[in-house]
Structures are given as C-alpha cells and as structure tokens.
Amino acid sequence: MPNREVMVKAKASKNDEFYTLFSDIQKEVNAYVEYNPDVFRGKTILLPCDDPEWSNFTKFFAQNFNRYGIKKLISTSYASNSKKVKFEQLSLFEMNSPKYDEKKTKSHGKIFTLDRDKNKSGKIDIDDLEWDYLDGDGDFRSKEVIKLRDEADIIITNPPFSLFREFFSWIYESRKKFLIIGNINCISYQEIFSKIKNNEIWLGNGMGRWISGFIVPKEYNLYGTEAKIDSDGNRIVATNSCLWLTNIEHGKRHQPLQLMTMEDNIKYSKHKQVRENGYVKYDNFDAIEVPFSDAIPSDYKGIMGVPITFLDKFNPDQFQILGIMSTTKVTEDNFGYPYINGKKVYARILIRKK
C-alpha cells in the first residue's frame, strides 16, 4: 500500500492510534524554542488526546518543564468503552493505585498534571506528574475537557485523524496558540485553507519526510518499505504525508526562498519540465503553472500556481496567497481543479510575489 494511503485508510476505518515519535516532537518543538526561547515560559500547556503510557507528548514536555519555564502542564486521555482496549491501556502504576476501580474506570479518562505553583522544590520533571481520573471519558468535546482547553495558553497534540476537522474547529474557536499534526490533505479543507490564506495559521517547521513515522498498535498491519519494528519492539509506519499545523511563530517561516529569474529557469532549471517547456498558462485561470517550488521565477509579477507543498517554504514577507485550485466545487477561495491543454493537473496554490 502506498504510504500516502495509510492515513486515508486509517481515517476511513477510524483507526486513530497513531502515536508521534519522541524524536519528531523534539525537533519540531525545538524550532519554536530556538526562534523564541520564552515561547512556553509561564504558560499553561494542554495536551488533549494523550496518555503518557502510550504517547510521547507528555513525556517530552514533562522532561523539559524546567528548561522551558512552563507554568502548568495538563494532559488528558480518552477512555474507550471497549473492555478489551481499556484493559490493554491500563498501566502498571494505575493497576496498583488505590484510585483504580475496575467498574468506575471503564469509561473514565485520565488527567496528568505538573503544576509549578504546587511544587516549590525547584526542579520539576516527569517523576512529579500527578494523575487522577476524569469524571467523563476524556473526549475533547466534553465540557470537562473544554474547561481545561479554556484554561490553557497553548494546545499541542496529535489529534484523532478521523476527527481532524472537528478537532480543528474545537481548537480554533478557543483562539489559543496551538501545534497539531494532520494529513497534508487538510491544507485543501475550506475551514483550514482560508485561515492559511489570511495568515492566521501556517505550517510548522516540518512536513512529509520530516515527520519520520508513527508508532501503531501491535494489531495494525504494516505496509510499505518504510514500515518497520524498532529496537524497542515498537511498530512504526512512515507515511510521508503529514504535517504540523500551528499559529506559533518559528524561524523557518521567515526564511526567503532563493529563486532564479524566469529566463534563467528556462535555461538552467534542473527540472526538464521547466527547462524544455517554459511556463504555460492554465486553461481555466489566468495564471502560469509552476510545477516545482524551486522553479518559481523571481521576476514574474503575475499569478502563479504552485504545488501545495510550497506552503512548507512559504514566507509571508515574500509571497501573497490568493487562493487554491483543488476541487470541482468553486468557492470564494477555491477556483476549481487546474487544467492545461484539457488535462487536469494536481492541486495548486495560487500565489503572487510581493
């Protein structure tokens, strides 16, 4: 199965147990800290859809609690109603705790906290995590978790892929800072693209192969050459089709894309498609086709259609986003699939150089 289809299959089957690798969280978050060392200082961070026993988000932020100057860390987990799944997700510390009550916990999520105001000892790390059961099952849509959302300054997680649109709406309506993982296809969602266009949200520091993989449950079928089992026995799938989505500033977003003129591209581009054919216009829109981000001509002042992966290199100081061409249904921001000589081409972002 092609890697790009793994997430599509997971979404269709509502298989949401894809856990982010610690190393991927580390290299992504470090980009924000390098740009602004105080980005998390004095902040309350909420990690919904999480569980330290299985997920690495809580582990990472608990280990870096002091280094980042975090005020409070809150992590919540969802409790499945399935007895089989729930039993497999009970940790040893939970089974041995007086808080554990088999009847009670069948549909009760857990909450983990690190609170600087409650811990005056100085050094605070993962060993200081306190946990308890939630009143409900920990669903992010519950009043209980919504209250925690409203308490937080920053929300960070890998949300359920099958509920991504709903989760994005949930997180965006709070008007909080956030950092989440989604499938690359989410760029074309109307509710997301319009906010990218208006510079309200943007891509994180990495996408595609930058995200090296996800840990999946033992019953999940491993597909493709990039599916593997690591030295710890974790089953890992590398999809190459995911991205980080955020409204937190990072340095990469302000790095200018180095470009050649149109004339030089036609003469020297490493892409035969450009070198031999130049730049053609779409049948159904007054813009030129630029099939590769590094082939954007530096001296062209008109509208250009570029691959959606361009957003990974988008600098708002250098370019303006005008719309997208990715659907049969024309909307205010989406102008329909692009066609060249009667042939439909891949989705394109419409941009103009500032």
Protein backbone atom coordinates (compact mmCIF):
# COMPACT_ATOMS: atom_id res chain seq x y z
CA MET A 1 0.00 0.00 0.00
CA PRO A 2 1.44 3.44 -0.93
CA ASN A 3 2.46 5.42 2.13
CA ARG A 4 0.11 8.30 1.31
CA GLU A 5 -2.82 5.87 1.56
CA VAL A 6 -2.01 4.76 5.10
CA MET A 7 -3.64 7.80 6.71
CA VAL A 8 -6.57 7.67 4.31
CA LYS A 9 -7.15 4.04 5.30
CA ALA A 10 -6.77 4.92 8.98
CA LYS A 11 -9.28 7.77 8.69
CA ALA A 12 -11.81 5.61 6.87
CA SER A 13 -11.55 2.85 9.46
CA LYS A 14 -11.42 5.37 12.34
CA ASN A 15 -8.09 3.94 13.44
CA ASP A 16 -6.74 6.86 15.44
CA GLU A 17 -3.99 5.14 17.37
CA PHE A 18 -1.01 6.74 15.66
CA TYR A 19 1.50 7.88 18.28
CA THR A 20 4.11 10.52 17.46
CA LEU A 21 7.77 9.64 17.89
CA PHE A 22 9.63 11.43 20.68
CA SER A 23 12.36 12.49 18.23
CA ASP A 24 9.80 14.13 15.91
CA ILE A 25 8.26 16.09 18.77
CA GLN A 26 11.70 17.17 19.93
CA LYS A 27 12.96 18.50 16.60
CA GLU A 28 9.67 20.28 15.85
CA VAL A 29 9.28 21.95 19.25
CA ASN A 30 12.95 22.93 19.38
CA ALA A 31 12.41 25.06 16.26
CA TYR A 32 9.94 27.27 18.17
CA VAL A 33 12.18 27.49 21.23
CA GLU A 34 15.19 28.46 19.10
CA TYR A 35 13.15 31.23 17.49
CA ASN A 36 11.70 32.40 20.81
CA PRO A 37 13.31 30.93 23.96
CA ASP A 38 10.38 32.18 26.06
CA VAL A 39 7.61 30.74 23.89
CA PHE A 40 6.45 28.37 26.67
CA ARG A 41 7.63 30.38 29.67
CA GLY A 42 4.90 31.00 32.22
CA LYS A 43 2.36 29.21 30.02
CA THR A 44 -0.21 26.51 30.73
CA ILE A 45 0.06 23.77 28.11
CA LEU A 46 -2.78 21.34 27.42
CA LEU A 47 -2.10 18.00 25.73
CA PRO A 48 -5.53 16.53 24.94
CA CYS A 49 -5.92 13.11 23.29
CA ASP A 50 -2.80 12.00 25.15
CA ASP A 51 -1.61 9.42 27.66
CA PRO A 52 1.97 9.23 28.98
CA GLU A 53 1.82 5.45 28.99
CA TRP A 54 1.49 5.42 25.19
CA SER A 55 2.12 8.92 23.90
CA ASN A 56 5.36 10.91 23.92
CA PHE A 57 3.96 14.44 24.19
CA THR A 58 3.56 14.35 27.97
CA LYS A 59 6.94 12.69 28.39
CA PHE A 60 8.64 15.35 26.29
CA PHE A 61 7.09 18.39 27.96
CA ALA A 62 7.44 16.93 31.45
CA GLN A 63 11.15 16.34 30.84
CA ASN A 64 11.54 19.91 29.57
CA PHE A 65 9.23 21.52 32.14
CA ASN A 66 12.00 23.48 33.86
CA ARG A 67 14.04 24.15 30.75
CA TYR A 68 11.08 25.81 29.03
CA GLY A 69 9.81 27.54 32.17
CA ILE A 70 6.34 26.02 31.82
CA LYS A 71 3.82 27.12 34.45
CA LYS A 72 1.47 24.13 34.22
CA LEU A 73 1.21 21.01 32.10
CA ILE A 74 -2.14 19.26 31.67
CA SER A 75 -2.52 16.00 29.76
CA THR A 76 -5.80 14.16 29.23
CA SER A 77 -6.50 10.71 27.81
CA TYR A 78 -9.60 9.23 26.25
CA ALA A 79 -11.08 6.06 27.76
CA SER A 80 -12.51 3.63 25.25
CA ASN A 81 -15.75 1.89 26.20
CA SER A 82 -14.26 -1.33 24.87
CA LYS A 83 -13.29 -3.66 27.73
CA LYS A 84 -10.54 -5.23 25.62
CA VAL A 85 -8.95 -1.91 24.65
CA LYS A 86 -9.36 -0.46 28.11
CA PHE A 87 -7.67 -3.43 29.76
CA GLU A 88 -4.72 -3.18 27.39
CA GLN A 89 -4.35 0.53 28.18
CA LEU A 90 -4.24 0.20 31.97
CA SER A 91 -0.72 0.95 33.14
CA LEU A 92 1.02 -0.81 36.00
CA PHE A 93 1.01 2.31 38.16
CA GLU A 94 -2.74 2.58 37.57
CA MET A 95 -3.46 -1.08 38.38
CA ASN A 96 -1.51 -0.79 41.64
CA SER A 97 -3.06 2.51 42.69
CA PRO A 98 -5.87 2.83 45.24
CA LYS A 99 -7.53 5.15 42.69
CA TYR A 100 -8.12 2.19 40.40
CA ASP A 101 -11.62 0.82 40.43
CA GLU A 102 -12.40 -1.54 37.56
CA LYS A 103 -16.07 -0.69 37.43
CA LYS A 104 -15.51 3.05 37.59
CA THR A 105 -12.68 3.32 35.06
CA LYS A 106 -14.34 1.57 32.12
CA SER A 107 -15.38 4.88 30.64
CA HIS A 108 -13.29 7.40 32.57
CA GLY A 109 -10.34 9.18 31.02
CA LYS A 110 -7.26 10.19 32.95
CA ILE A 111 -5.68 13.56 33.66
CA PHE A 112 -1.99 14.14 34.35
CA THR A 113 -0.67 17.44 35.69
CA LEU A 114 2.56 19.19 36.56
CA ASP A 115 1.94 22.47 38.37
CA ARG A 116 4.75 24.89 39.25
CA ASP A 117 2.57 26.67 41.82
CA LYS A 118 2.07 23.39 43.71
CA ASN A 119 5.69 22.32 43.55
CA LYS A 120 8.11 24.72 45.22
CA SER A 121 11.04 22.30 45.30
CA GLY A 122 12.66 23.86 42.24
CA LYS A 123 13.41 21.02 39.88
CA ILE A 124 10.27 19.53 38.36
CA ASP A 125 10.31 16.62 35.94
CA ILE A 126 8.32 13.61 34.79
CA ASP A 127 8.61 11.93 38.20
CA ASP A 128 6.47 14.71 39.66
CA LEU A 129 3.49 14.03 37.38
CA GLU A 130 0.26 13.71 39.32
CA TRP A 131 -2.66 11.81 37.89
CA ASP A 132 -6.32 11.20 38.54
CA TYR A 133 -9.45 10.06 36.75
CA LEU A 134 -11.66 12.48 34.89
CA ASP A 135 -15.38 12.49 35.62
CA GLY A 136 -16.07 11.63 31.97
CA ASP A 137 -14.34 9.61 29.27
CA GLY A 138 -11.91 12.39 28.29
CA ASP A 139 -13.46 13.14 24.90
CA PHE A 140 -12.10 16.52 23.77
CA ARG A 141 -15.68 17.66 23.08
CA SER A 142 -16.81 17.12 26.68
CA LYS A 143 -17.50 20.10 28.95
CA GLU A 144 -14.78 18.85 31.26
CA VAL A 145 -12.03 18.97 28.64
CA ILE A 146 -13.41 22.18 27.11
CA LYS A 147 -12.93 23.81 30.51
CA LEU A 148 -9.30 22.67 30.52
CA ARG A 149 -8.92 23.99 26.97
CA ASP A 150 -10.15 27.39 28.07
CA GLU A 151 -7.69 27.38 30.98
CA ALA A 152 -4.71 26.68 28.72
CA ASP A 153 -2.49 29.10 26.82
CA ILE A 154 -1.17 26.58 24.29
CA ILE A 155 -2.68 23.32 22.99
CA ILE A 156 -0.41 20.67 21.49
CA THR A 157 -1.29 17.17 20.32
CA ASN A 158 -1.65 14.59 17.58
CA PRO A 159 -5.48 14.63 17.29
CA PRO A 160 -7.61 11.69 16.08
CA PHE A 161 -7.23 11.58 12.29
CA SER A 162 -10.86 10.57 11.82
CA LEU A 163 -11.99 13.65 13.76
CA PHE A 164 -9.40 16.13 12.49
CA ARG A 165 -11.86 18.67 11.06
CA GLU A 166 -13.94 18.66 14.22
CA PHE A 167 -10.86 18.89 16.40
CA PHE A 168 -9.51 21.83 14.40
CA SER A 169 -12.80 23.70 14.83
CA TRP A 170 -12.70 22.87 18.56
CA ILE A 171 -9.19 24.21 18.92
CA TYR A 172 -9.61 27.25 16.66
CA GLU A 173 -12.73 28.53 18.38
CA SER A 174 -10.72 28.81 21.60
CA ARG A 175 -8.39 31.36 19.95
CA LYS A 176 -5.45 29.76 21.73
CA LYS A 177 -1.97 29.08 20.40
CA PHE A 178 -1.67 25.54 19.09
CA LEU A 179 0.58 22.97 17.43
CA ILE A 180 -1.04 19.86 15.94
CA ILE A 181 -0.35 17.12 13.40
CA GLY A 182 -2.58 16.48 10.41
CA ASN A 183 -2.61 14.91 6.97
CA ILE A 184 -1.25 17.06 4.12
CA ASN A 185 -4.71 16.94 2.52
CA CYS A 186 -6.04 19.14 5.32
CA ILE A 187 -4.49 22.12 3.50
CA SER A 188 -7.33 21.99 0.99
CA TYR A 189 -10.09 21.96 3.63
CA GLN A 190 -12.03 25.20 3.27
CA GLU A 191 -12.01 25.93 7.02
CA ILE A 192 -8.25 25.50 7.15
CA PHE A 193 -7.10 26.95 3.83
CA SER A 194 -9.00 30.20 4.36
CA LYS A 195 -7.07 30.74 7.59
CA ILE A 196 -3.74 29.88 5.93
CA LYS A 197 -4.57 32.38 3.19
CA ASN A 198 -5.34 35.07 5.79
CA ASN A 199 -2.09 34.33 7.63
CA GLU A 200 -3.95 33.27 10.77
CA ILE A 201 -2.37 29.80 10.80
CA TRP A 202 0.54 28.25 8.94
CA LEU A 203 2.58 25.09 8.53
CA GLY A 204 5.01 24.12 11.24
CA ASN A 205 8.70 23.51 10.84
CA GLY A 206 8.38 20.12 9.15
CA MET A 207 6.19 18.07 6.85
CA GLY A 208 6.38 14.91 4.77
CA ARG A 209 9.61 13.04 5.43
CA TRP A 210 10.48 15.49 8.21
CA ILE A 211 7.96 13.51 10.28
CA SER A 212 9.79 10.21 10.42
CA GLY A 213 6.90 7.97 11.47
CA PHE A 214 4.19 6.97 13.91
CA ILE A 215 4.02 4.17 16.46
CA VAL A 216 0.99 1.96 15.77
CA PRO A 217 -0.73 -0.78 17.82
CA LYS A 218 0.54 -4.35 17.56
CA GLU A 219 -2.56 -5.46 15.64
CA TYR A 220 -2.03 -2.81 12.94
CA ASN A 221 -0.87 -4.21 9.59
CA LEU A 222 2.49 -2.82 8.50
CA TYR A 223 2.53 -1.66 4.88
CA GLY A 224 5.30 -0.45 2.58
CA THR A 225 9.07 -0.41 2.64
CA GLU A 226 9.16 2.29 5.32
CA ALA A 227 7.17 0.30 7.86
CA LYS A 228 9.40 -1.27 10.49
CA ILE A 229 9.80 -2.51 14.04
CA ASP A 230 12.37 -0.57 16.07
CA SER A 231 14.83 -1.83 18.69
CA ASP A 232 12.22 -1.41 21.44
CA GLY A 233 9.68 -3.53 19.58
CA ASN A 234 7.53 -0.56 18.51
CA ARG A 235 5.73 -0.95 15.19
CA ILE A 236 6.39 2.19 13.14
CA VAL A 237 4.76 3.42 9.95
CA ALA A 238 6.32 6.28 7.96
CA THR A 239 3.52 7.87 5.93
CA ASN A 240 5.38 10.83 4.36
CA SER A 241 2.01 12.56 4.07
CA CYS A 242 1.65 14.50 7.32
CA LEU A 243 2.43 17.99 8.52
CA TRP A 244 2.49 20.18 11.60
CA LEU A 245 -0.11 22.97 11.67
CA THR A 246 0.26 25.91 14.03
CA ASN A 247 -0.19 29.59 14.80
CA ILE A 248 3.07 29.82 16.75
CA GLU A 249 5.94 31.67 15.06
CA HIS A 250 9.09 29.82 14.03
CA GLY A 251 12.19 30.92 12.17
CA LYS A 252 11.79 28.83 9.03
CA ARG A 253 8.64 30.68 8.09
CA HIS A 254 10.60 33.91 7.57
CA GLN A 255 13.45 32.47 5.52
CA PRO A 256 13.25 33.81 1.93
CA LEU A 257 13.08 31.26 -0.87
CA GLN A 258 16.10 31.69 -3.16
CA LEU A 259 14.92 31.93 -6.76
CA MET A 260 16.17 32.43 -10.32
CA THR A 261 14.65 34.64 -12.97
CA MET A 262 12.21 33.18 -15.50
CA GLU A 263 14.85 33.33 -18.21
CA ASP A 264 17.44 31.52 -16.09
CA ASN A 265 14.93 28.87 -15.05
CA ILE A 266 14.11 28.09 -18.66
CA LYS A 267 17.81 27.82 -19.45
CA TYR A 268 19.21 26.16 -16.34
CA SER A 269 16.42 24.60 -14.26
CA LYS A 270 17.20 21.09 -13.04
CA HIS A 271 13.62 20.19 -13.96
CA LYS A 272 13.21 19.15 -17.60
CA GLN A 273 9.54 20.06 -17.46
CA VAL A 274 10.50 23.72 -16.98
CA ARG A 275 13.75 23.75 -18.97
CA GLU A 276 12.16 22.29 -22.09
CA ASN A 277 8.64 23.73 -21.93
CA GLY A 278 8.92 27.00 -20.06
CA TYR A 279 5.86 28.28 -18.22
CA VAL A 280 2.39 27.61 -19.61
CA LYS A 281 -0.93 29.07 -18.52
CA TYR A 282 -3.95 27.18 -17.21
CA ASP A 283 -6.95 26.72 -19.45
CA ASN A 284 -9.35 27.88 -16.77
CA PHE A 285 -7.44 30.53 -14.83
CA ASP A 286 -5.13 33.41 -15.70
CA ALA A 287 -2.01 32.09 -14.00
CA ILE A 288 1.16 30.27 -15.02
CA GLU A 289 1.88 26.69 -14.00
CA VAL A 290 4.94 26.33 -11.75
CA PRO A 291 5.23 22.59 -11.05
CA PHE A 292 8.13 22.90 -8.57
CA SER A 293 8.61 25.38 -5.75
CA ASP A 294 12.26 25.95 -6.61
CA ALA A 295 11.23 26.88 -10.16
CA ILE A 296 9.21 29.94 -9.09
CA PRO A 297 10.53 32.81 -11.26
CA SER A 298 11.82 35.68 -9.16
CA ASP A 299 10.85 38.33 -11.71
CA TYR A 300 7.30 37.26 -12.57
CA LYS A 301 4.70 39.68 -11.21
CA GLY A 302 1.57 37.81 -12.19
CA ILE A 303 -0.32 34.96 -10.52
CA MET A 304 1.38 31.55 -10.27
CA GLY A 305 0.06 28.10 -9.43
CA VAL A 306 2.45 26.13 -7.24
CA PRO A 307 2.28 22.68 -5.54
CA ILE A 308 0.60 22.55 -2.12
CA THR A 309 3.99 21.51 -0.68
CA PHE A 310 5.06 25.11 -1.40
CA LEU A 311 3.40 26.01 1.91
CA ASP A 312 6.33 24.31 3.66
CA LYS A 313 8.54 27.06 2.17
CA PHE A 314 6.01 29.88 2.25
CA ASN A 315 7.37 33.18 3.55
CA PRO A 316 4.56 35.72 4.15
CA ASP A 317 7.06 38.54 3.69
CA GLN A 318 7.91 37.28 0.19
CA PHE A 319 4.62 35.97 -1.22
CA GLN A 320 0.88 36.53 -1.03
CA ILE A 321 -1.52 33.58 -1.14
CA LEU A 322 -4.52 34.30 -3.36
CA GLY A 323 -6.40 31.00 -3.42
CA ILE A 324 -6.27 27.31 -4.21
CA MET A 325 -7.28 25.10 -7.15
CA SER A 326 -8.22 21.71 -5.78
CA THR A 327 -11.88 20.87 -6.24
CA THR A 328 -14.77 20.60 -8.66
CA LYS A 329 -16.82 22.93 -6.46
CA VAL A 330 -15.78 26.57 -6.89
CA THR A 331 -15.81 28.68 -3.71
CA GLU A 332 -14.53 32.08 -2.64
CA ASP A 333 -11.02 30.71 -2.08
CA ASN A 334 -11.07 27.63 -4.33
CA PHE A 335 -11.18 28.11 -8.10
CA GLY A 336 -11.63 24.52 -9.24
CA TYR A 337 -9.07 21.98 -10.45
CA PRO A 338 -6.39 23.40 -12.74
CA TYR A 339 -6.36 22.27 -16.38
CA ILE A 340 -3.62 22.52 -19.01
CA ASN A 341 -4.42 21.64 -22.60
CA GLY A 342 -7.59 19.97 -21.41
CA LYS A 343 -5.80 17.77 -18.89
CA LYS A 344 -6.39 18.07 -15.15
CA VAL A 345 -3.23 18.57 -13.09
CA TYR A 346 -2.59 18.25 -9.37
CA ALA A 347 -3.94 20.75 -6.85
CA ARG A 348 -2.23 24.11 -6.89
CA ILE A 349 -1.87 27.05 -4.51
CA LEU A 350 -2.27 30.41 -6.26
CA ILE A 351 0.37 32.95 -5.21
CA ARG A 352 1.84 36.26 -6.24
CA LYS A 353 5.23 37.66 -5.36
CA LYS A 354 5.14 40.68 -3.03
